[in-house]
Amino acid sequence: MLFSLLAASALAKLDPQAEADLRCMAVFAVAASQNEEPDAGSIGAIMYYLGRLEGRTVDFNFQTYLLQLLNSSKYTVEVAQADAERCGKEMSDKASQLEVVGRMMQGGSESGGH
């Protein structure tokens, strides 16, 4: 019971964008833990969101926040599924942006190529 109260208290201190990033990190951490050998996409996504969190908050203790989120009674299957959809779209959008940059670097049809 005390852990749940502490978890809710700590999560309440996060700004909305940090909490959204933490939730995405949780989605990909859970996905990575489902396989004996985590896929590179999940690991990359975890690192992406960790970088966003640590870049926003000096000395961000992601382990504590991540465990608190995953153990929270408010983090239901429905919430996790909604987060997975949102976070998956975010990663897909970033991948598309990187593909454009890759084409530009190869002198493709995008403006700004060498």
C-alpha atoms as a PDB file:
ATOM      1  CA  MET A   1       0.000   0.000   0.000  1.00  0.00           C
ATOM      2  CA  LEU A   2       2.762   2.444   0.933  1.00  0.00           C
ATOM      3  CA  PHE A   3       4.601   1.640  -2.303  1.00  0.00           C
ATOM      4  CA  SER A   4       1.463   2.457  -4.317  1.00  0.00           C
ATOM      5  CA  LEU A   5       1.130   5.797  -2.551  1.00  0.00           C
ATOM      6  CA  LEU A   6       4.792   6.610  -3.147  1.00  0.00           C
ATOM      7  CA  ALA A   7       4.468   5.595  -6.779  1.00  0.00           C
ATOM      8  CA  ALA A   8       1.462   7.816  -7.346  1.00  0.00           C
ATOM      9  CA  SER A   9       3.212  10.674  -5.591  1.00  0.00           C
ATOM     10  CA  ALA A  10       6.397  10.379  -7.658  1.00  0.00           C
ATOM     11  CA  LEU A  11       4.534  10.022 -10.945  1.00  0.00           C
ATOM     12  CA  ALA A  12       2.396  13.038 -10.095  1.00  0.00           C
ATOM     13  CA  LYS A  13       5.589  15.132  -9.966  1.00  0.00           C
ATOM     14  CA  LEU A  14       6.404  14.447 -13.623  1.00  0.00           C
ATOM     15  CA  ASP A  15       5.365  17.001 -16.208  1.00  0.00           C
ATOM     16  CA  PRO A  16       2.894  15.647 -18.807  1.00  0.00           C
ATOM     17  CA  GLN A  17       5.509  15.233 -21.565  1.00  0.00           C
ATOM     18  CA  ALA A  18       7.912  13.416 -19.236  1.00  0.00           C
ATOM     19  CA  GLU A  19       5.128  11.078 -18.135  1.00  0.00           C
ATOM     20  CA  ALA A  20       4.174  10.428 -21.772  1.00  0.00           C
ATOM     21  CA  ASP A  21       7.805   9.591 -22.575  1.00  0.00           C
ATOM     22  CA  LEU A  22       8.074   7.354 -19.505  1.00  0.00           C
ATOM     23  CA  ARG A  23       4.925   5.517 -20.573  1.00  0.00           C
ATOM     24  CA  CYS A  24       6.451   4.925 -24.014  1.00  0.00           C
ATOM     25  CA  MET A  25       9.629   3.683 -22.414  1.00  0.00           C
ATOM     26  CA  ALA A  26       7.495   1.275 -20.354  1.00  0.00           C
ATOM     27  CA  VAL A  27       5.685  -0.008 -23.454  1.00  0.00           C
ATOM     28  CA  PHE A  28       8.931  -0.856 -25.216  1.00  0.00           C
ATOM     29  CA  ALA A  29      10.542  -2.246 -22.036  1.00  0.00           C
ATOM     30  CA  VAL A  30       7.624  -4.636 -21.591  1.00  0.00           C
ATOM     31  CA  ALA A  31       7.812  -5.600 -25.279  1.00  0.00           C
ATOM     32  CA  ALA A  32      11.557  -6.227 -24.987  1.00  0.00           C
ATOM     33  CA  SER A  33      11.068  -8.371 -21.890  1.00  0.00           C
ATOM     34  CA  GLN A  34       8.645 -10.687 -23.716  1.00  0.00           C
ATOM     35  CA  ASN A  35      11.418 -12.223 -25.808  1.00  0.00           C
ATOM     36  CA  GLU A  36      14.481 -14.134 -24.739  1.00  0.00           C
ATOM     37  CA  GLU A  37      16.491 -11.897 -27.092  1.00  0.00           C
ATOM     38  CA  PRO A  38      15.011  -8.346 -27.204  1.00  0.00           C
ATOM     39  CA  ASP A  39      14.660  -6.915 -30.704  1.00  0.00           C
ATOM     40  CA  ALA A  40      16.771  -3.958 -31.767  1.00  0.00           C
ATOM     41  CA  GLY A  41      13.679  -1.830 -32.422  1.00  0.00           C
ATOM     42  CA  SER A  42      12.496  -2.083 -28.822  1.00  0.00           C
ATOM     43  CA  ILE A  43      15.971  -1.367 -27.472  1.00  0.00           C
ATOM     44  CA  GLY A  44      16.319   1.621 -29.799  1.00  0.00           C
ATOM     45  CA  ALA A  45      12.941   2.980 -28.704  1.00  0.00           C
ATOM     46  CA  ILE A  46      13.830   2.551 -25.027  1.00  0.00           C
ATOM     47  CA  MET A  47      17.059   4.474 -25.580  1.00  0.00           C
ATOM     48  CA  TYR A  48      15.233   7.187 -27.550  1.00  0.00           C
ATOM     49  CA  TYR A  49      12.741   7.830 -24.754  1.00  0.00           C
ATOM     50  CA  LEU A  50      15.431   7.550 -22.083  1.00  0.00           C
ATOM     51  CA  GLY A  51      17.424  10.211 -23.923  1.00  0.00           C
ATOM     52  CA  ARG A  52      14.384  12.482 -24.045  1.00  0.00           C
ATOM     53  CA  LEU A  53      13.780  12.000 -20.323  1.00  0.00           C
ATOM     54  CA  GLU A  54      17.392  12.485 -19.278  1.00  0.00           C
ATOM     55  CA  GLY A  55      17.768  15.453 -21.611  1.00  0.00           C
ATOM     56  CA  ARG A  56      14.824  17.159 -19.975  1.00  0.00           C
ATOM     57  CA  THR A  57      15.676  16.337 -16.357  1.00  0.00           C
ATOM     58  CA  VAL A  58      19.189  16.197 -14.934  1.00  0.00           C
ATOM     59  CA  ASP A  59      19.813  13.065 -12.842  1.00  0.00           C
ATOM     60  CA  PHE A  60      16.484  11.534 -13.888  1.00  0.00           C
ATOM     61  CA  ASN A  61      16.106   8.257 -11.988  1.00  0.00           C
ATOM     62  CA  PHE A  62      14.360   6.297 -14.708  1.00  0.00           C
ATOM     63  CA  GLN A  63      14.570   2.983 -12.846  1.00  0.00           C
ATOM     64  CA  THR A  64      12.470   4.269  -9.953  1.00  0.00           C
ATOM     65  CA  TYR A  65       9.887   5.988 -12.129  1.00  0.00           C
ATOM     66  CA  LEU A  66       9.635   3.069 -14.548  1.00  0.00           C
ATOM     67  CA  LEU A  67       9.082   0.524 -11.785  1.00  0.00           C
ATOM     68  CA  GLN A  68       6.582   2.815 -10.082  1.00  0.00           C
ATOM     69  CA  LEU A  69       4.620   3.176 -13.298  1.00  0.00           C
ATOM     70  CA  LEU A  70       4.621  -0.533 -14.071  1.00  0.00           C
ATOM     71  CA  ASN A  71       3.508  -1.381 -10.520  1.00  0.00           C
ATOM     72  CA  SER A  72       0.828   1.298 -10.364  1.00  0.00           C
ATOM     73  CA  SER A  73      -2.763   0.077 -10.097  1.00  0.00           C
ATOM     74  CA  LYS A  74      -3.682   2.774 -12.629  1.00  0.00           C
ATOM     75  CA  TYR A  75      -1.419   1.245 -15.285  1.00  0.00           C
ATOM     76  CA  THR A  76      -3.976  -1.180 -16.677  1.00  0.00           C
ATOM     77  CA  VAL A  77      -3.874  -3.312 -19.805  1.00  0.00           C
ATOM     78  CA  GLU A  78      -6.160  -0.783 -21.504  1.00  0.00           C
ATOM     79  CA  VAL A  79      -3.834   2.100 -20.621  1.00  0.00           C
ATOM     80  CA  ALA A  80      -0.809   0.134 -21.823  1.00  0.00           C
ATOM     81  CA  GLN A  81      -2.550  -0.695 -25.118  1.00  0.00           C
ATOM     82  CA  ALA A  82      -3.433   2.962 -25.711  1.00  0.00           C
ATOM     83  CA  ASP A  83       0.163   3.919 -24.904  1.00  0.00           C
ATOM     84  CA  ALA A  84       1.441   1.244 -27.299  1.00  0.00           C
ATOM     85  CA  GLU A  85      -0.622   2.692 -30.151  1.00  0.00           C
ATOM     86  CA  ARG A  86       0.507   6.259 -29.438  1.00  0.00           C
ATOM     87  CA  CYS A  87       4.156   5.345 -28.939  1.00  0.00           C
ATOM     88  CA  GLY A  88       4.218   3.073 -31.971  1.00  0.00           C
ATOM     89  CA  LYS A  89       2.938   5.937 -34.101  1.00  0.00           C
ATOM     90  CA  GLU A  90       5.597   8.249 -32.651  1.00  0.00           C
ATOM     91  CA  MET A  91       8.329   5.751 -33.537  1.00  0.00           C
ATOM     92  CA  SER A  92       6.873   5.245 -37.017  1.00  0.00           C
ATOM     93  CA  ASP A  93       6.852   9.012 -37.591  1.00  0.00           C
ATOM     94  CA  LYS A  94      10.493   9.274 -36.477  1.00  0.00           C
ATOM     95  CA  ALA A  95      11.461   6.369 -38.741  1.00  0.00           C
ATOM     96  CA  SER A  96       9.839   8.141 -41.693  1.00  0.00           C
ATOM     97  CA  GLN A  97      11.785  11.302 -40.913  1.00  0.00           C
ATOM     98  CA  LEU A  98      15.022   9.326 -40.755  1.00  0.00           C
ATOM     99  CA  GLU A  99      14.247   7.672 -44.093  1.00  0.00           C
ATOM    100  CA  VAL A 100      13.923  11.124 -45.668  1.00  0.00           C
ATOM    101  CA  VAL A 101      17.285  12.134 -44.222  1.00  0.00           C
ATOM    102  CA  GLY A 102      18.816   8.899 -45.508  1.00  0.00           C
ATOM    103  CA  ARG A 103      17.550   9.582 -49.028  1.00  0.00           C
ATOM    104  CA  MET A 104      18.869  13.133 -48.836  1.00  0.00           C
ATOM    105  CA  MET A 105      22.287  11.870 -47.762  1.00  0.00           C
ATOM    106  CA  GLN A 106      22.341   9.541 -50.766  1.00  0.00           C
ATOM    107  CA  GLY A 107      21.459  12.395 -53.096  1.00  0.00           C
ATOM    108  CA  GLY A 108      17.850  11.320 -53.448  1.00  0.00           C
ATOM    109  CA  SER A 109      14.907  13.358 -54.615  1.00  0.00           C
ATOM    110  CA  GLU A 110      14.372  15.242 -51.356  1.00  0.00           C
ATOM    111  CA  SER A 111      15.544  18.856 -51.383  1.00  0.00           C
ATOM    112  CA  GLY A 112      18.882  19.568 -49.764  1.00  0.00           C
ATOM    113  CA  GLY A 113      20.743  16.577 -51.222  1.00  0.00           C
ATOM    114  CA  HIS A 114      24.452  16.848 -52.015  1.00  0.00           C
END
